[in-house]
Amino acid sequence: MPTSHVDVATEHASRYLQQLCKHWAHKFPVEFDPNHGTIDLSLGRTVLDADAAALHIAVT
């Protein structure tokens, strides 16, 4: 299955991860904590990981 990856350089990765997960939670199954999240979109699964330098996103 194809996977796309992106690393977004930011000092606010945890905050953005949580905002994205909360935004999609009304429509899709979502699980998250401050450093890791998953969103089960209809087109596939999105995995988000936050560290001090970036938000890492993978869509499968």
PDB file of N, CA and C in Angstrom:
ATOM      1  N   MET A   1       0.844  -1.174   0.000  1.00  0.00           N
ATOM      2  CA  MET A   1       0.000   0.000   0.000  1.00  0.00           C
ATOM      3  C   MET A   1       0.893   1.242   0.000  1.00  0.00           C
ATOM      4  N   PRO A   2       0.618   2.217  -0.864  1.00  0.00           N
ATOM      5  CA  PRO A   2       1.439   3.426  -0.927  1.00  0.00           C
ATOM      6  C   PRO A   2       1.346   4.253   0.363  1.00  0.00           C
ATOM      7  N   THR A   3       2.445   4.882   0.689  1.00  0.00           N
ATOM      8  CA  THR A   3       2.499   5.751   1.865  1.00  0.00           C
ATOM      9  C   THR A   3       3.175   7.060   1.488  1.00  0.00           C
ATOM     10  N   SER A   4       2.626   8.156   1.970  1.00  0.00           N
ATOM     11  CA  SER A   4       3.237   9.477   1.794  1.00  0.00           C
ATOM     12  C   SER A   4       3.682   9.979   3.155  1.00  0.00           C
ATOM     13  N   HIS A   5       4.870  10.592   3.187  1.00  0.00           N
ATOM     14  CA  HIS A   5       5.445  11.118   4.428  1.00  0.00           C
ATOM     15  C   HIS A   5       5.746  12.599   4.262  1.00  0.00           C
ATOM     16  N   VAL A   6       5.576  13.330   5.339  1.00  0.00           N
ATOM     17  CA  VAL A   6       6.011  14.722   5.357  1.00  0.00           C
ATOM     18  C   VAL A   6       6.503  15.048   6.766  1.00  0.00           C
ATOM     19  N   ASP A   7       7.541  15.851   6.845  1.00  0.00           N
ATOM     20  CA  ASP A   7       8.057  16.353   8.114  1.00  0.00           C
ATOM     21  C   ASP A   7       7.903  17.870   8.085  1.00  0.00           C
ATOM     22  N   VAL A   8       7.126  18.395   9.023  1.00  0.00           N
ATOM     23  CA  VAL A   8       6.869  19.833   9.083  1.00  0.00           C
ATOM     24  C   VAL A   8       7.688  20.405  10.237  1.00  0.00           C
ATOM     25  N   ALA A   9       8.689  21.185   9.910  1.00  0.00           N
ATOM     26  CA  ALA A   9       9.545  21.773  10.944  1.00  0.00           C
ATOM     27  C   ALA A   9       8.759  22.826  11.729  1.00  0.00           C
ATOM     28  N   THR A  10       8.650  22.605  13.038  1.00  0.00           N
ATOM     29  CA  THR A  10       7.947  23.546  13.910  1.00  0.00           C
ATOM     30  C   THR A  10       8.300  23.257  15.364  1.00  0.00           C
ATOM     31  N   GLU A  11       8.317  24.284  16.164  1.00  0.00           N
ATOM     32  CA  GLU A  11       8.522  24.122  17.603  1.00  0.00           C
ATOM     33  C   GLU A  11       7.216  23.787  18.311  1.00  0.00           C
ATOM     34  N   HIS A  12       6.083  23.799  17.583  1.00  0.00           N
ATOM     35  CA  HIS A  12       4.758  23.591  18.167  1.00  0.00           C
ATOM     36  C   HIS A  12       4.103  22.305  17.664  1.00  0.00           C
ATOM     37  N   ALA A  13       4.899  21.300  17.387  1.00  0.00           N
ATOM     38  CA  ALA A  13       4.392  20.068  16.785  1.00  0.00           C
ATOM     39  C   ALA A  13       3.310  19.398  17.637  1.00  0.00           C
ATOM     40  N   SER A  14       3.500  19.326  18.921  1.00  0.00           N
ATOM     41  CA  SER A  14       2.513  18.681  19.790  1.00  0.00           C
ATOM     42  C   SER A  14       1.173  19.407  19.735  1.00  0.00           C
ATOM     43  N   ARG A  15       1.214  20.717  19.775  1.00  0.00           N
ATOM     44  CA  ARG A  15      -0.018  21.504  19.715  1.00  0.00           C
ATOM     45  C   ARG A  15      -0.750  21.274  18.391  1.00  0.00           C
ATOM     46  N   TYR A  16      -0.010  21.272  17.286  1.00  0.00           N
ATOM     47  CA  TYR A  16      -0.636  21.056  15.977  1.00  0.00           C
ATOM     48  C   TYR A  16      -1.185  19.637  15.847  1.00  0.00           C
ATOM     49  N   LEU A  17      -0.459  18.655  16.360  1.00  0.00           N
ATOM     50  CA  LEU A  17      -0.941  17.270  16.345  1.00  0.00           C
ATOM     51  C   LEU A  17      -2.285  17.181  17.057  1.00  0.00           C
ATOM     52  N   GLN A  18      -2.374  17.750  18.230  1.00  0.00           N
ATOM     53  CA  GLN A  18      -3.618  17.693  18.998  1.00  0.00           C
ATOM     54  C   GLN A  18      -4.748  18.458  18.309  1.00  0.00           C
ATOM     55  N   GLN A  19      -4.447  19.591  17.699  1.00  0.00           N
ATOM     56  CA  GLN A  19      -5.474  20.354  16.983  1.00  0.00           C
ATOM     57  C   GLN A  19      -6.013  19.563  15.796  1.00  0.00           C
ATOM     58  N   LEU A  20      -5.119  18.943  15.030  1.00  0.00           N
ATOM     59  CA  LEU A  20      -5.560  18.154  13.880  1.00  0.00           C
ATOM     60  C   LEU A  20      -6.415  16.972  14.314  1.00  0.00           C
ATOM     61  N   CYS A  21      -5.989  16.275  15.358  1.00  0.00           N
ATOM     62  CA  CYS A  21      -6.755  15.120  15.829  1.00  0.00           C
ATOM     63  C   CYS A  21      -8.126  15.542  16.352  1.00  0.00           C
ATOM     64  N   LYS A  22      -8.182  16.608  17.108  1.00  0.00           N
ATOM     65  CA  LYS A  22      -9.476  17.084  17.618  1.00  0.00           C
ATOM     66  C   LYS A  22     -10.384  17.522  16.470  1.00  0.00           C
ATOM     67  N   HIS A  23      -9.814  18.145  15.459  1.00  0.00           N
ATOM     68  CA  HIS A  23     -10.600  18.606  14.319  1.00  0.00           C
ATOM     69  C   HIS A  23     -11.255  17.438  13.590  1.00  0.00           C
ATOM     70  N   TRP A  24     -10.517  16.360  13.376  1.00  0.00           N
ATOM     71  CA  TRP A  24     -11.046  15.223  12.613  1.00  0.00           C
ATOM     72  C   TRP A  24     -11.846  14.251  13.462  1.00  0.00           C
ATOM     73  N   ALA A  25     -11.801  14.375  14.776  1.00  0.00           N
ATOM     74  CA  ALA A  25     -12.479  13.422  15.664  1.00  0.00           C
ATOM     75  C   ALA A  25     -13.991  13.417  15.498  1.00  0.00           C
ATOM     76  N   HIS A  26     -14.574  14.502  15.018  1.00  0.00           N
ATOM     77  CA  HIS A  26     -16.032  14.537  14.843  1.00  0.00           C
ATOM     78  C   HIS A  26     -16.478  13.691  13.656  1.00  0.00           C
ATOM     79  N   LYS A  27     -15.547  13.339  12.756  1.00  0.00           N
ATOM     80  CA  LYS A  27     -15.916  12.643  11.532  1.00  0.00           C
ATOM     81  C   LYS A  27     -15.276  11.262  11.382  1.00  0.00           C
ATOM     82  N   PHE A  28     -14.112  11.045  11.985  1.00  0.00           N
ATOM     83  CA  PHE A  28     -13.366   9.801  11.830  1.00  0.00           C
ATOM     84  C   PHE A  28     -12.883   9.294  13.187  1.00  0.00           C
ATOM     85  N   PRO A  29     -12.612   7.978  13.293  1.00  0.00           N
ATOM     86  CA  PRO A  29     -12.015   7.454  14.524  1.00  0.00           C
ATOM     87  C   PRO A  29     -10.600   8.029  14.724  1.00  0.00           C
ATOM     88  N   VAL A  30     -10.370   8.557  15.925  1.00  0.00           N
ATOM     89  CA  VAL A  30      -9.104   9.218  16.238  1.00  0.00           C
ATOM     90  C   VAL A  30      -8.624   8.761  17.608  1.00  0.00           C
ATOM     91  N   GLU A  31      -7.318   8.553  17.728  1.00  0.00           N
ATOM     92  CA  GLU A  31      -6.670   8.312  19.021  1.00  0.00           C
ATOM     93  C   GLU A  31      -5.429   9.185  19.056  1.00  0.00           C
ATOM     94  N   PHE A  32      -5.182   9.838  20.210  1.00  0.00           N
ATOM     95  CA  PHE A  32      -3.983  10.671  20.283  1.00  0.00           C
ATOM     96  C   PHE A  32      -3.601  10.968  21.716  1.00  0.00           C
ATOM     97  N   ASP A  33      -2.338  11.302  21.865  1.00  0.00           N
ATOM     98  CA  ASP A  33      -1.786  11.876  23.088  1.00  0.00           C
ATOM     99  C   ASP A  33      -0.891  13.024  22.610  1.00  0.00           C
ATOM    100  N   PRO A  34      -0.193  13.718  23.486  1.00  0.00           N
ATOM    101  CA  PRO A  34       0.580  14.880  23.030  1.00  0.00           C
ATOM    102  C   PRO A  34       1.688  14.574  22.008  1.00  0.00           C
ATOM    103  N   ASN A  35       2.131  13.315  21.910  1.00  0.00           N
ATOM    104  CA  ASN A  35       3.257  13.004  21.020  1.00  0.00           C
ATOM    105  C   ASN A  35       2.932  12.056  19.869  1.00  0.00           C
ATOM    106  N   HIS A  36       1.764  11.437  19.870  1.00  0.00           N
ATOM    107  CA  HIS A  36       1.425  10.460  18.830  1.00  0.00           C
ATOM    108  C   HIS A  36      -0.078  10.477  18.595  1.00  0.00           C
ATOM    109  N   GLY A  37      -0.456  10.366  17.335  1.00  0.00           N
ATOM    110  CA  GLY A  37      -1.872  10.314  17.015  1.00  0.00           C
ATOM    111  C   GLY A  37      -2.134   9.489  15.777  1.00  0.00           C
ATOM    112  N   THR A  38      -3.347   8.921  15.686  1.00  0.00           N
ATOM    113  CA  THR A  38      -3.785   8.223  14.485  1.00  0.00           C
ATOM    114  C   THR A  38      -5.183   8.709  14.126  1.00  0.00           C
ATOM    115  N   ILE A  39      -5.400   8.861  12.840  1.00  0.00           N
ATOM    116  CA  ILE A  39      -6.704   9.245  12.307  1.00  0.00           C
ATOM    117  C   ILE A  39      -7.040   8.230  11.227  1.00  0.00           C
ATOM    118  N   ASP A  40      -8.136   7.511  11.390  1.00  0.00           N
ATOM    119  CA  ASP A  40      -8.544   6.520  10.406  1.00  0.00           C
ATOM    120  C   ASP A  40      -9.493   7.167   9.404  1.00  0.00           C
ATOM    121  N   LEU A  41      -8.912   7.803   8.391  1.00  0.00           N
ATOM    122  CA  LEU A  41      -9.681   8.460   7.343  1.00  0.00           C
ATOM    123  C   LEU A  41     -10.298   7.409   6.422  1.00  0.00           C
ATOM    124  N   SER A  42     -11.274   7.788   5.651  1.00  0.00           N
ATOM    125  CA  SER A  42     -11.895   6.844   4.726  1.00  0.00           C
ATOM    126  C   SER A  42     -10.914   6.393   3.646  1.00  0.00           C
ATOM    127  N   LEU A  43      -9.905   7.207   3.312  1.00  0.00           N
ATOM    128  CA  LEU A  43      -8.929   6.839   2.291  1.00  0.00           C
ATOM    129  C   LEU A  43      -7.737   6.074   2.850  1.00  0.00           C
ATOM    130  N   GLY A  44      -7.591   6.004   4.157  1.00  0.00           N
ATOM    131  CA  GLY A  44      -6.473   5.300   4.785  1.00  0.00           C
ATOM    132  C   GLY A  44      -6.177   5.866   6.155  1.00  0.00           C
ATOM    133  N   ARG A  45      -5.108   5.393   6.732  1.00  0.00           N
ATOM    134  CA  ARG A  45      -4.728   5.803   8.083  1.00  0.00           C
ATOM    135  C   ARG A  45      -3.655   6.876   8.038  1.00  0.00           C
ATOM    136  N   THR A  46      -3.839   7.881   8.877  1.00  0.00           N
ATOM    137  CA  THR A  46      -2.846   8.937   9.046  1.00  0.00           C
ATOM    138  C   THR A  46      -2.212   8.770  10.418  1.00  0.00           C
ATOM    139  N   VAL A  47      -0.885   8.761  10.452  1.00  0.00           N
ATOM    140  CA  VAL A  47      -0.146   8.648  11.706  1.00  0.00           C
ATOM    141  C   VAL A  47       0.658   9.926  11.886  1.00  0.00           C
ATOM    142  N   LEU A  48       0.515  10.546  13.056  1.00  0.00           N
ATOM    143  CA  LEU A  48       1.213  11.787  13.364  1.00  0.00           C
ATOM    144  C   LEU A  48       2.116  11.562  14.569  1.00  0.00           C
ATOM    145  N   ASP A  49       3.343  12.059  14.478  1.00  0.00           N
ATOM    146  CA  ASP A  49       4.282  11.995  15.599  1.00  0.00           C
ATOM    147  C   ASP A  49       4.913  13.366  15.779  1.00  0.00           C
ATOM    148  N   ALA A  50       4.961  13.819  17.025  1.00  0.00           N
ATOM    149  CA  ALA A  50       5.522  15.131  17.343  1.00  0.00           C
ATOM    150  C   ALA A  50       6.793  14.969  18.156  1.00  0.00           C
ATOM    151  N   ASP A  51       7.793  15.774  17.810  1.00  0.00           N
ATOM    152  CA  ASP A  51       8.982  15.869  18.648  1.00  0.00           C
ATOM    153  C   ASP A  51       9.330  17.351  18.787  1.00  0.00           C
ATOM    154  N   ALA A  52      10.451  17.656  19.375  1.00  0.00           N
ATOM    155  CA  ALA A  52      10.797  19.053  19.656  1.00  0.00           C
ATOM    156  C   ALA A  52      11.057  19.875  18.402  1.00  0.00           C
ATOM    157  N   ALA A  53      11.343  19.222  17.267  1.00  0.00           N
ATOM    158  CA  ALA A  53      11.726  19.951  16.064  1.00  0.00           C
ATOM    159  C   ALA A  53      10.712  19.896  14.929  1.00  0.00           C
ATOM    160  N   ALA A  54       9.798  18.884  14.949  1.00  0.00           N
ATOM    161  CA  ALA A  54       8.909  18.728  13.783  1.00  0.00           C
ATOM    162  C   ALA A  54       7.684  17.901  14.093  1.00  0.00           C
ATOM    163  N   LEU A  55       6.693  18.048  13.214  1.00  0.00           N
ATOM    164  CA  LEU A  55       5.520  17.186  13.198  1.00  0.00           C
ATOM    165  C   LEU A  55       5.710  16.254  12.005  1.00  0.00           C
ATOM    166  N   HIS A  56       5.723  14.945  12.272  1.00  0.00           N
ATOM    167  CA  HIS A  56       5.951  13.931  11.245  1.00  0.00           C
ATOM    168  C   HIS A  56       4.600  13.301  10.923  1.00  0.00           C
ATOM    169  N   ILE A  57       4.227  13.303   9.651  1.00  0.00           N
ATOM    170  CA  ILE A  57       2.924  12.803   9.223  1.00  0.00           C
ATOM    171  C   ILE A  57       3.130  11.752   8.141  1.00  0.00           C
ATOM    172  N   ALA A  58       2.426  10.622   8.296  1.00  0.00           N
ATOM    173  CA  ALA A  58       2.440   9.572   7.281  1.00  0.00           C
ATOM    174  C   ALA A  58       1.004   9.175   6.976  1.00  0.00           C
ATOM    175  N   VAL A  59       0.662   9.139   5.699  1.00  0.00           N
ATOM    176  CA  VAL A  59      -0.669   8.727   5.259  1.00  0.00           C
ATOM    177  C   VAL A  59      -0.521   7.466   4.440  1.00  0.00           C
ATOM    178  N   THR A  60      -1.226   6.415   4.854  1.00  0.00           N
ATOM    179  CA  THR A  60      -1.174   5.131   4.139  1.00  0.00           C
ATOM    180  C   THR A  60      -2.525   4.843   3.540  1.00  0.00           C
TER     181      THR A  60
END
